[in-house]
Structure formats: structure tokens, C-alpha cells
Amino acid sequence: MEPNRRIGLAPVPVDLDAHLNPTQLAALHKAEEFGWSLKFVRRALVVLEYEDGSTLGVLEHDGSLNQHAVVNERSDAAPDDPDAVPPGPGKFIV
């Protein structure tokens, strides 16, 4: 099993200004007041996690928090692992 496929990329970049627009940054700070935290940023995908750890949402470009977005979930299983979940159309974040 590969420990980290994204060698050198932190889940949360240090330079958020380079990855989020001003509207997203303002919305992130507001969401943090309500118990949300930044889970990871990958390309244009900004994912927040609620403090209970079981709720995720996507911070959209307009600053809205989409809790019903579809994102593909990465598996850490080896490609030849028979127990690995095959890639599907995506996972609903609820």
C-alpha cells in the first residue's frame, strides 16, 4: 500500500490566498465560527469538515457550502487488492 500518493502536497496548503478566492476565504472564516474546518484543497475542490467528523461539504466558488456535492473518493488500497472498492461515479457527501 502506498502511504501517500500526493508526495509533497499537504492536505491544507499554507498559502490559502493562492488557492481560494476572496469570497471563499471570507466564507471559510465564517464557517469556522460555526464548527467547520478546512479538510483539504485539491485543485478547484475545497472540502470542509464539520466538528463532529461525519459531515463534509464543498466550499463553492461563490462561497456557498454544498453538502450534497459528488466527489470521487480515493481508495488507499493497493490496485490488486480484492477488497478494494472499485471506482464509481462518486460519493454523495451528506
PDB file of N, CA and C in Angstrom:
ATOM      1  N   MET A   1       0.842  -1.179   0.000  1.00  0.00           N
ATOM      2  CA  MET A   1       0.000   0.000   0.000  1.00  0.00           C
ATOM      3  C   MET A   1       0.882   1.236   0.000  1.00  0.00           C
ATOM      4  N   GLU A   2       0.528   2.198  -0.803  1.00  0.00           N
ATOM      5  CA  GLU A   2       1.244   3.454  -0.906  1.00  0.00           C
ATOM      6  C   GLU A   2       0.816   4.372   0.230  1.00  0.00           C
ATOM      7  N   PRO A   3       1.735   4.869   1.053  1.00  0.00           N
ATOM      8  CA  PRO A   3       1.340   5.703   2.185  1.00  0.00           C
ATOM      9  C   PRO A   3       0.735   7.048   1.767  1.00  0.00           C
ATOM     10  N   ASN A   4       1.248   7.655   0.716  1.00  0.00           N
ATOM     11  CA  ASN A   4       0.726   8.941   0.271  1.00  0.00           C
ATOM     12  C   ASN A   4       1.007   9.105  -1.206  1.00  0.00           C
ATOM     13  N   ARG A   5      -0.036   9.135  -1.998  1.00  0.00           N
ATOM     14  CA  ARG A   5       0.133   9.267  -3.441  1.00  0.00           C
ATOM     15  C   ARG A   5       0.461  10.691  -3.854  1.00  0.00           C
ATOM     16  N   ARG A   6       0.204  11.627  -2.994  1.00  0.00           N
ATOM     17  CA  ARG A   6       0.452  13.027  -3.311  1.00  0.00           C
ATOM     18  C   ARG A   6       1.657  13.530  -2.518  1.00  0.00           C
ATOM     19  N   ILE A   7       2.784  12.925  -2.786  1.00  0.00           N
ATOM     20  CA  ILE A   7       4.011  13.281  -2.084  1.00  0.00           C
ATOM     21  C   ILE A   7       4.289  14.773  -2.278  1.00  0.00           C
ATOM     22  N   GLY A   8       4.555  15.435  -1.174  1.00  0.00           N
ATOM     23  CA  GLY A   8       4.899  16.846  -1.237  1.00  0.00           C
ATOM     24  C   GLY A   8       3.713  17.796  -1.188  1.00  0.00           C
ATOM     25  N   LEU A   9       2.485  17.279  -1.255  1.00  0.00           N
ATOM     26  CA  LEU A   9       1.314  18.140  -1.203  1.00  0.00           C
ATOM     27  C   LEU A   9       0.617  17.973   0.139  1.00  0.00           C
ATOM     28  N   ALA A  10       0.578  19.027   0.901  1.00  0.00           N
ATOM     29  CA  ALA A  10      -0.127  18.996   2.181  1.00  0.00           C
ATOM     30  C   ALA A  10      -1.632  19.033   1.909  1.00  0.00           C
ATOM     31  N   PRO A  11      -2.442  18.403   2.773  1.00  0.00           N
ATOM     32  CA  PRO A  11      -3.893  18.454   2.575  1.00  0.00           C
ATOM     33  C   PRO A  11      -4.428  19.884   2.582  1.00  0.00           C
ATOM     34  N   VAL A  12      -3.854  20.713   3.464  1.00  0.00           N
ATOM     35  CA  VAL A  12      -4.235  22.122   3.541  1.00  0.00           C
ATOM     36  C   VAL A  12      -3.002  22.952   3.214  1.00  0.00           C
ATOM     37  N   PRO A  13      -3.016  23.644   2.071  1.00  0.00           N
ATOM     38  CA  PRO A  13      -1.848  24.434   1.694  1.00  0.00           C
ATOM     39  C   PRO A  13      -1.643  25.622   2.630  1.00  0.00           C
ATOM     40  N   VAL A  14      -0.394  26.014   2.794  1.00  0.00           N
ATOM     41  CA  VAL A  14      -0.050  27.141   3.654  1.00  0.00           C
ATOM     42  C   VAL A  14      -0.548  28.453   3.039  1.00  0.00           C
ATOM     43  N   ASP A  15      -0.473  28.548   1.716  1.00  0.00           N
ATOM     44  CA  ASP A  15      -0.838  29.777   1.005  1.00  0.00           C
ATOM     45  C   ASP A  15      -2.275  29.708   0.492  1.00  0.00           C
ATOM     46  N   LEU A  16      -3.233  29.770   1.399  1.00  0.00           N
ATOM     47  CA  LEU A  16      -4.641  29.673   1.009  1.00  0.00           C
ATOM     48  C   LEU A  16      -5.053  30.752   0.019  1.00  0.00           C
ATOM     49  N   ASP A  17      -4.442  31.927   0.101  1.00  0.00           N
ATOM     50  CA  ASP A  17      -4.773  33.013  -0.820  1.00  0.00           C
ATOM     51  C   ASP A  17      -4.532  32.621  -2.281  1.00  0.00           C
ATOM     52  N   ALA A  18      -3.616  31.713  -2.518  1.00  0.00           N
ATOM     53  CA  ALA A  18      -3.316  31.274  -3.877  1.00  0.00           C
ATOM     54  C   ALA A  18      -4.312  30.223  -4.370  1.00  0.00           C
ATOM     55  N   HIS A  19      -5.081  29.636  -3.468  1.00  0.00           N
ATOM     56  CA  HIS A  19      -5.982  28.544  -3.833  1.00  0.00           C
ATOM     57  C   HIS A  19      -7.462  28.896  -3.708  1.00  0.00           C
ATOM     58  N   LEU A  20      -7.791  29.851  -2.850  1.00  0.00           N
ATOM     59  CA  LEU A  20      -9.175  30.246  -2.632  1.00  0.00           C
ATOM     60  C   LEU A  20      -9.353  31.704  -3.053  1.00  0.00           C
ATOM     61  N   ASN A  21     -10.514  32.006  -3.590  1.00  0.00           N
ATOM     62  CA  ASN A  21     -10.786  33.394  -3.951  1.00  0.00           C
ATOM     63  C   ASN A  21     -11.242  34.153  -2.697  1.00  0.00           C
ATOM     64  N   PRO A  22     -11.311  35.483  -2.748  1.00  0.00           N
ATOM     65  CA  PRO A  22     -11.684  36.257  -1.560  1.00  0.00           C
ATOM     66  C   PRO A  22     -13.044  35.870  -0.973  1.00  0.00           C
ATOM     67  N   THR A  23     -13.994  35.528  -1.824  1.00  0.00           N
ATOM     68  CA  THR A  23     -15.314  35.113  -1.343  1.00  0.00           C
ATOM     69  C   THR A  23     -15.223  33.800  -0.578  1.00  0.00           C
ATOM     70  N   GLN A  24     -14.442  32.853  -1.091  1.00  0.00           N
ATOM     71  CA  GLN A  24     -14.254  31.573  -0.404  1.00  0.00           C
ATOM     72  C   GLN A  24     -13.531  31.765   0.921  1.00  0.00           C
ATOM     73  N   LEU A  25     -12.522  32.629   0.942  1.00  0.00           N
ATOM     74  CA  LEU A  25     -11.789  32.886   2.187  1.00  0.00           C
ATOM     75  C   LEU A  25     -12.708  33.462   3.259  1.00  0.00           C
ATOM     76  N   ALA A  26     -13.545  34.422   2.868  1.00  0.00           N
ATOM     77  CA  ALA A  26     -14.486  35.013   3.825  1.00  0.00           C
ATOM     78  C   ALA A  26     -15.477  33.965   4.312  1.00  0.00           C
ATOM     79  N   ALA A  27     -15.977  33.131   3.399  1.00  0.00           N
ATOM     80  CA  ALA A  27     -16.935  32.087   3.766  1.00  0.00           C
ATOM     81  C   ALA A  27     -16.282  31.041   4.669  1.00  0.00           C
ATOM     82  N   LEU A  28     -15.018  30.719   4.416  1.00  0.00           N
ATOM     83  CA  LEU A  28     -14.299  29.761   5.251  1.00  0.00           C
ATOM     84  C   LEU A  28     -14.196  30.283   6.680  1.00  0.00           C
ATOM     85  N   HIS A  29     -13.825  31.532   6.835  1.00  0.00           N
ATOM     86  CA  HIS A  29     -13.691  32.110   8.176  1.00  0.00           C
ATOM     87  C   HIS A  29     -15.034  32.132   8.902  1.00  0.00           C
ATOM     88  N   LYS A  30     -16.112  32.402   8.164  1.00  0.00           N
ATOM     89  CA  LYS A  30     -17.440  32.406   8.767  1.00  0.00           C
ATOM     90  C   LYS A  30     -17.839  30.983   9.153  1.00  0.00           C
ATOM     91  N   ALA A  31     -17.563  30.012   8.281  1.00  0.00           N
ATOM     92  CA  ALA A  31     -17.909  28.611   8.557  1.00  0.00           C
ATOM     93  C   ALA A  31     -17.153  28.094   9.781  1.00  0.00           C
ATOM     94  N   GLU A  32     -15.914  28.556   9.952  1.00  0.00           N
ATOM     95  CA  GLU A  32     -15.117  28.139  11.115  1.00  0.00           C
ATOM     96  C   GLU A  32     -15.772  28.582  12.424  1.00  0.00           C
ATOM     97  N   GLU A  33     -16.482  29.691  12.395  1.00  0.00           N
ATOM     98  CA  GLU A  33     -17.199  30.163  13.581  1.00  0.00           C
ATOM     99  C   GLU A  33     -18.347  29.218  13.960  1.00  0.00           C
ATOM    100  N   PHE A  34     -18.816  28.434  12.987  1.00  0.00           N
ATOM    101  CA  PHE A  34     -19.930  27.520  13.204  1.00  0.00           C
ATOM    102  C   PHE A  34     -19.483  26.054  13.320  1.00  0.00           C
ATOM    103  N   GLY A  35     -18.186  25.827  13.523  1.00  0.00           N
ATOM    104  CA  GLY A  35     -17.705  24.472  13.770  1.00  0.00           C
ATOM    105  C   GLY A  35     -17.134  23.739  12.572  1.00  0.00           C
ATOM    106  N   TRP A  36     -17.016  24.391  11.421  1.00  0.00           N
ATOM    107  CA  TRP A  36     -16.433  23.761  10.234  1.00  0.00           C
ATOM    108  C   TRP A  36     -14.932  24.032  10.210  1.00  0.00           C
ATOM    109  N   SER A  37     -14.175  23.128   9.591  1.00  0.00           N
ATOM    110  CA  SER A  37     -12.743  23.340   9.397  1.00  0.00           C
ATOM    111  C   SER A  37     -12.347  22.848   8.014  1.00  0.00           C
ATOM    112  N   LEU A  38     -11.268  23.384   7.514  1.00  0.00           N
ATOM    113  CA  LEU A  38     -10.776  23.015   6.198  1.00  0.00           C
ATOM    114  C   LEU A  38     -10.144  21.636   6.278  1.00  0.00           C
ATOM    115  N   LYS A  39     -10.663  20.693   5.482  1.00  0.00           N
ATOM    116  CA  LYS A  39     -10.139  19.325   5.484  1.00  0.00           C
ATOM    117  C   LYS A  39      -9.019  19.185   4.457  1.00  0.00           C
ATOM    118  N   PHE A  40      -9.293  19.586   3.199  1.00  0.00           N
ATOM    119  CA  PHE A  40      -8.254  19.560   2.173  1.00  0.00           C
ATOM    120  C   PHE A  40      -8.643  20.440   0.994  1.00  0.00           C
ATOM    121  N   VAL A  41      -7.614  20.795   0.211  1.00  0.00           N
ATOM    122  CA  VAL A  41      -7.784  21.554  -1.019  1.00  0.00           C
ATOM    123  C   VAL A  41      -7.057  20.795  -2.111  1.00  0.00           C
ATOM    124  N   ARG A  42      -7.752  20.465  -3.162  1.00  0.00           N
ATOM    125  CA  ARG A  42      -7.152  19.809  -4.331  1.00  0.00           C
ATOM    126  C   ARG A  42      -7.683  20.469  -5.575  1.00  0.00           C
ATOM    127  N   ARG A  43      -6.788  21.098  -6.297  1.00  0.00           N
ATOM    128  CA  ARG A  43      -7.137  21.858  -7.494  1.00  0.00           C
ATOM    129  C   ARG A  43      -8.258  22.832  -7.150  1.00  0.00           C
ATOM    130  N   ALA A  44      -9.419  22.712  -7.769  1.00  0.00           N
ATOM    131  CA  ALA A  44     -10.517  23.653  -7.505  1.00  0.00           C
ATOM    132  C   ALA A  44     -11.470  23.129  -6.434  1.00  0.00           C
ATOM    133  N   LEU A  45     -11.162  22.000  -5.827  1.00  0.00           N
ATOM    134  CA  LEU A  45     -12.036  21.384  -4.834  1.00  0.00           C
ATOM    135  C   LEU A  45     -11.588  21.773  -3.426  1.00  0.00           C
ATOM    136  N   VAL A  46     -12.481  22.432  -2.688  1.00  0.00           N
ATOM    137  CA  VAL A  46     -12.206  22.865  -1.318  1.00  0.00           C
ATOM    138  C   VAL A  46     -13.197  22.142  -0.415  1.00  0.00           C
ATOM    139  N   VAL A  47     -12.708  21.230   0.416  1.00  0.00           N
ATOM    140  CA  VAL A  47     -13.577  20.397   1.242  1.00  0.00           C
ATOM    141  C   VAL A  47     -13.450  20.802   2.708  1.00  0.00           C
ATOM    142  N   LEU A  48     -14.611  21.024   3.337  1.00  0.00           N
ATOM    143  CA  LEU A  48     -14.680  21.357   4.753  1.00  0.00           C
ATOM    144  C   LEU A  48     -15.263  20.177   5.509  1.00  0.00           C
ATOM    145  N   GLU A  49     -14.912  20.094   6.785  1.00  0.00           N
ATOM    146  CA  GLU A  49     -15.422  19.025   7.641  1.00  0.00           C
ATOM    147  C   GLU A  49     -16.035  19.663   8.885  1.00  0.00           C
ATOM    148  N   TYR A  50     -17.214  19.169   9.267  1.00  0.00           N
ATOM    149  CA  TYR A  50     -17.846  19.680  10.473  1.00  0.00           C
ATOM    150  C   TYR A  50     -17.168  19.071  11.684  1.00  0.00           C
ATOM    151  N   GLU A  51     -17.260  19.730  12.827  1.00  0.00           N
ATOM    152  CA  GLU A  51     -16.531  19.317  14.028  1.00  0.00           C
ATOM    153  C   GLU A  51     -16.882  17.915  14.511  1.00  0.00           C
ATOM    154  N   ASP A  52     -18.045  17.377  14.109  1.00  0.00           N
ATOM    155  CA  ASP A  52     -18.396  16.017  14.537  1.00  0.00           C
ATOM    156  C   ASP A  52     -17.646  14.956  13.740  1.00  0.00           C
ATOM    157  N   GLY A  53     -16.972  15.360  12.659  1.00  0.00           N
ATOM    158  CA  GLY A  53     -16.167  14.439  11.865  1.00  0.00           C
ATOM    159  C   GLY A  53     -16.942  13.579  10.891  1.00  0.00           C
ATOM    160  N   SER A  54     -18.258  13.675  10.888  1.00  0.00           N
ATOM    161  CA  SER A  54     -19.029  12.809   9.998  1.00  0.00           C
ATOM    162  C   SER A  54     -19.711  13.585   8.876  1.00  0.00           C
ATOM    163  N   THR A  55     -19.572  14.892   8.851  1.00  0.00           N
ATOM    164  CA  THR A  55     -20.221  15.704   7.835  1.00  0.00           C
ATOM    165  C   THR A  55     -19.182  16.470   7.045  1.00  0.00           C
ATOM    166  N   LEU A  56     -19.260  16.363   5.719  1.00  0.00           N
ATOM    167  CA  LEU A  56     -18.354  17.064   4.821  1.00  0.00           C
ATOM    168  C   LEU A  56     -19.156  17.972   3.902  1.00  0.00           C
ATOM    169  N   GLY A  57     -18.509  18.984   3.375  1.00  0.00           N
ATOM    170  CA  GLY A  57     -19.131  19.868   2.413  1.00  0.00           C
ATOM    171  C   GLY A  57     -18.077  20.469   1.507  1.00  0.00           C
ATOM    172  N   VAL A  58     -18.507  20.883   0.330  1.00  0.00           N
ATOM    173  CA  VAL A  58     -17.617  21.517  -0.641  1.00  0.00           C
ATOM    174  C   VAL A  58     -17.885  23.013  -0.619  1.00  0.00           C
ATOM    175  N   LEU A  59     -16.832  23.790  -0.428  1.00  0.00           N
ATOM    176  CA  LEU A  59     -16.938  25.247  -0.464  1.00  0.00           C
ATOM    177  C   LEU A  59     -16.879  25.670  -1.924  1.00  0.00           C
ATOM    178  N   GLU A  60     -18.002  26.154  -2.439  1.00  0.00           N
ATOM    179  CA  GLU A  60     -18.109  26.526  -3.853  1.00  0.00           C
ATOM    180  C   GLU A  60     -17.420  27.866  -4.115  1.00  0.00           C
ATOM    181  N   HIS A  61     -17.239  28.201  -5.390  1.00  0.00           N
ATOM    182  CA  HIS A  61     -16.567  29.447  -5.776  1.00  0.00           C
ATOM    183  C   HIS A  61     -17.311  30.678  -5.284  1.00  0.00           C
ATOM    184  N   ASP A  62     -18.646  30.566  -5.154  1.00  0.00           N
ATOM    185  CA  ASP A  62     -19.434  31.714  -4.709  1.00  0.00           C
ATOM    186  C   ASP A  62     -19.515  31.825  -3.186  1.00  0.00           C
ATOM    187  N   GLY A  63     -18.789  30.945  -2.469  1.00  0.00           N
ATOM    188  CA  GLY A  63     -18.769  30.982  -1.016  1.00  0.00           C
ATOM    189  C   GLY A  63     -19.819  30.126  -0.343  1.00  0.00           C
ATOM    190  N   SER A  64     -20.702  29.517  -1.132  1.00  0.00           N
ATOM    191  CA  SER A  64     -21.725  28.666  -0.536  1.00  0.00           C
ATOM    192  C   SER A  64     -21.126  27.312  -0.150  1.00  0.00           C
ATOM    193  N   LEU A  65     -21.719  26.683   0.851  1.00  0.00           N
ATOM    194  CA  LEU A  65     -21.266  25.379   1.323  1.00  0.00           C
ATOM    195  C   LEU A  65     -22.212  24.318   0.789  1.00  0.00           C
ATOM    196  N   ASN A  66     -21.732  23.491  -0.103  1.00  0.00           N
ATOM    197  CA  ASN A  66     -22.540  22.463  -0.752  1.00  0.00           C
ATOM    198  C   ASN A  66     -22.342  21.147  -0.013  1.00  0.00           C
ATOM    199  N   GLN A  67     -23.355  20.720   0.719  1.00  0.00           N
ATOM    200  CA  GLN A  67     -23.271  19.471   1.469  1.00  0.00           C
ATOM    201  C   GLN A  67     -23.793  18.288   0.669  1.00  0.00           C
ATOM    202  N   HIS A  68     -24.146  18.515  -0.588  1.00  0.00           N
ATOM    203  CA  HIS A  68     -24.667  17.438  -1.438  1.00  0.00           C
ATOM    204  C   HIS A  68     -23.833  17.255  -2.696  1.00  0.00           C
ATOM    205  N   ALA A  69     -22.591  17.673  -2.656  1.00  0.00           N
ATOM    206  CA  ALA A  69     -21.707  17.562  -3.816  1.00  0.00           C
ATOM    207  C   ALA A  69     -21.303  16.110  -4.041  1.00  0.00           C
ATOM    208  N   VAL A  70     -20.978  15.795  -5.271  1.00  0.00           N
ATOM    209  CA  VAL A  70     -20.488  14.470  -5.619  1.00  0.00           C
ATOM    210  C   VAL A  70     -19.004  14.573  -5.886  1.00  0.00           C
ATOM    211  N   VAL A  71     -18.215  13.832  -5.121  1.00  0.00           N
ATOM    212  CA  VAL A  71     -16.774  13.795  -5.341  1.00  0.00           C
ATOM    213  C   VAL A  71     -16.327  12.346  -5.352  1.00  0.00           C
ATOM    214  N   ASN A  72     -15.324  12.068  -6.144  1.00  0.00           N
ATOM    215  CA  ASN A  72     -14.761  10.725  -6.160  1.00  0.00           C
ATOM    216  C   ASN A  72     -13.898  10.546  -4.936  1.00  0.00           C
ATOM    217  N   GLU A  73     -14.080   9.434  -4.278  1.00  0.00           N
ATOM    218  CA  GLU A  73     -13.316   9.156  -3.077  1.00  0.00           C
ATOM    219  C   GLU A  73     -12.150   8.260  -3.436  1.00  0.00           C
ATOM    220  N   ARG A  74     -10.988   8.641  -3.011  1.00  0.00           N
ATOM    221  CA  ARG A  74      -9.771   7.889  -3.291  1.00  0.00           C
ATOM    222  C   ARG A  74      -9.681   6.716  -2.339  1.00  0.00           C
ATOM    223  N   SER A  75      -9.242   5.588  -2.839  1.00  0.00           N
ATOM    224  CA  SER A  75      -9.022   4.417  -2.006  1.00  0.00           C
ATOM    225  C   SER A  75      -7.536   4.281  -1.743  1.00  0.00           C
ATOM    226  N   ASP A  76      -7.175   3.957  -0.499  1.00  0.00           N
ATOM    227  CA  ASP A  76      -5.769   3.745  -0.161  1.00  0.00           C
ATOM    228  C   ASP A  76      -5.347   2.300  -0.391  1.00  0.00           C
ATOM    229  N   ALA A  77      -6.279   1.475  -0.856  1.00  0.00           N
ATOM    230  CA  ALA A  77      -5.971   0.067  -1.083  1.00  0.00           C
ATOM    231  C   ALA A  77      -5.094  -0.085  -2.327  1.00  0.00           C
ATOM    232  N   ALA A  78      -4.320  -1.129  -2.328  1.00  0.00           N
ATOM    233  CA  ALA A  78      -3.467  -1.429  -3.478  1.00  0.00           C
ATOM    234  C   ALA A  78      -4.356  -1.770  -4.675  1.00  0.00           C
ATOM    235  N   PRO A  79      -3.907  -1.449  -5.909  1.00  0.00           N
ATOM    236  CA  PRO A  79      -4.732  -1.696  -7.092  1.00  0.00           C
ATOM    237  C   PRO A  79      -5.152  -3.155  -7.262  1.00  0.00           C
ATOM    238  N   ASP A  80      -4.336  -4.092  -6.780  1.00  0.00           N
ATOM    239  CA  ASP A  80      -4.675  -5.502  -6.954  1.00  0.00           C
ATOM    240  C   ASP A  80      -5.373  -6.092  -5.719  1.00  0.00           C
ATOM    241  N   ASP A  81      -5.762  -5.258  -4.774  1.00  0.00           N
ATOM    242  CA  ASP A  81      -6.432  -5.704  -3.558  1.00  0.00           C
ATOM    243  C   ASP A  81      -7.859  -6.128  -3.888  1.00  0.00           C
ATOM    244  N   PRO A  82      -8.231  -7.393  -3.643  1.00  0.00           N
ATOM    245  CA  PRO A  82      -9.577  -7.861  -3.979  1.00  0.00           C
ATOM    246  C   PRO A  82     -10.658  -7.203  -3.123  1.00  0.00           C
ATOM    247  N   ASP A  83     -10.279  -6.641  -1.964  1.00  0.00           N
ATOM    248  CA  ASP A  83     -11.257  -5.985  -1.099  1.00  0.00           C
ATOM    249  C   ASP A  83     -11.425  -4.502  -1.417  1.00  0.00           C
ATOM    250  N   ALA A  84     -10.655  -4.019  -2.376  1.00  0.00           N
ATOM    251  CA  ALA A  84     -10.732  -2.603  -2.711  1.00  0.00           C
ATOM    252  C   ALA A  84     -12.078  -2.304  -3.384  1.00  0.00           C
ATOM    253  N   VAL A  85     -12.628  -1.165  -3.055  1.00  0.00           N
ATOM    254  CA  VAL A  85     -13.879  -0.735  -3.672  1.00  0.00           C
ATOM    255  C   VAL A  85     -13.554  -0.181  -5.052  1.00  0.00           C
ATOM    256  N   PRO A  86     -14.196  -0.709  -6.102  1.00  0.00           N
ATOM    257  CA  PRO A  86     -13.902  -0.195  -7.439  1.00  0.00           C
ATOM    258  C   PRO A  86     -14.357   1.257  -7.569  1.00  0.00           C
ATOM    259  N   PRO A  87     -13.646   2.041  -8.373  1.00  0.00           N
ATOM    260  CA  PRO A  87     -14.040   3.437  -8.525  1.00  0.00           C
ATOM    261  C   PRO A  87     -15.440   3.519  -9.138  1.00  0.00           C
ATOM    262  N   GLY A  88     -16.252   4.348  -8.549  1.00  0.00           N
ATOM    263  CA  GLY A  88     -17.614   4.515  -9.038  1.00  0.00           C
ATOM    264  C   GLY A  88     -17.814   5.926  -9.548  1.00  0.00           C
ATOM    265  N   PRO A  89     -19.072   6.305  -9.750  1.00  0.00           N
ATOM    266  CA  PRO A  89     -19.357   7.642 -10.281  1.00  0.00           C
ATOM    267  C   PRO A  89     -19.086   8.742  -9.269  1.00  0.00           C
ATOM    268  N   GLY A  90     -18.930   8.398  -8.004  1.00  0.00           N
ATOM    269  CA  GLY A  90     -18.654   9.388  -6.979  1.00  0.00           C
ATOM    270  C   GLY A  90     -19.408   9.075  -5.722  1.00  0.00           C
ATOM    271  N   LYS A  91     -19.141   9.822  -4.702  1.00  0.00           N
ATOM    272  CA  LYS A  91     -19.790   9.613  -3.413  1.00  0.00           C
ATOM    273  C   LYS A  91     -20.526  10.885  -3.047  1.00  0.00           C
ATOM    274  N   PHE A  92     -21.773  10.733  -2.650  1.00  0.00           N
ATOM    275  CA  PHE A  92     -22.502  11.903  -2.188  1.00  0.00           C
ATOM    276  C   PHE A  92     -22.019  12.269  -0.822  1.00  0.00           C
ATOM    277  N   ILE A  93     -21.685  13.509  -0.632  1.00  0.00           N
ATOM    278  CA  ILE A  93     -21.304  13.996   0.684  1.00  0.00           C
ATOM    279  C   ILE A  93     -22.597  14.514   1.310  1.00  0.00           C
ATOM    280  N   VAL A  94     -22.976  13.930   2.401  1.00  0.00           N
ATOM    281  CA  VAL A  94     -24.216  14.337   3.053  1.00  0.00           C
ATOM    282  C   VAL A  94     -23.945  14.806   4.454  1.00  0.00           C
TER     283      VAL A  94
END
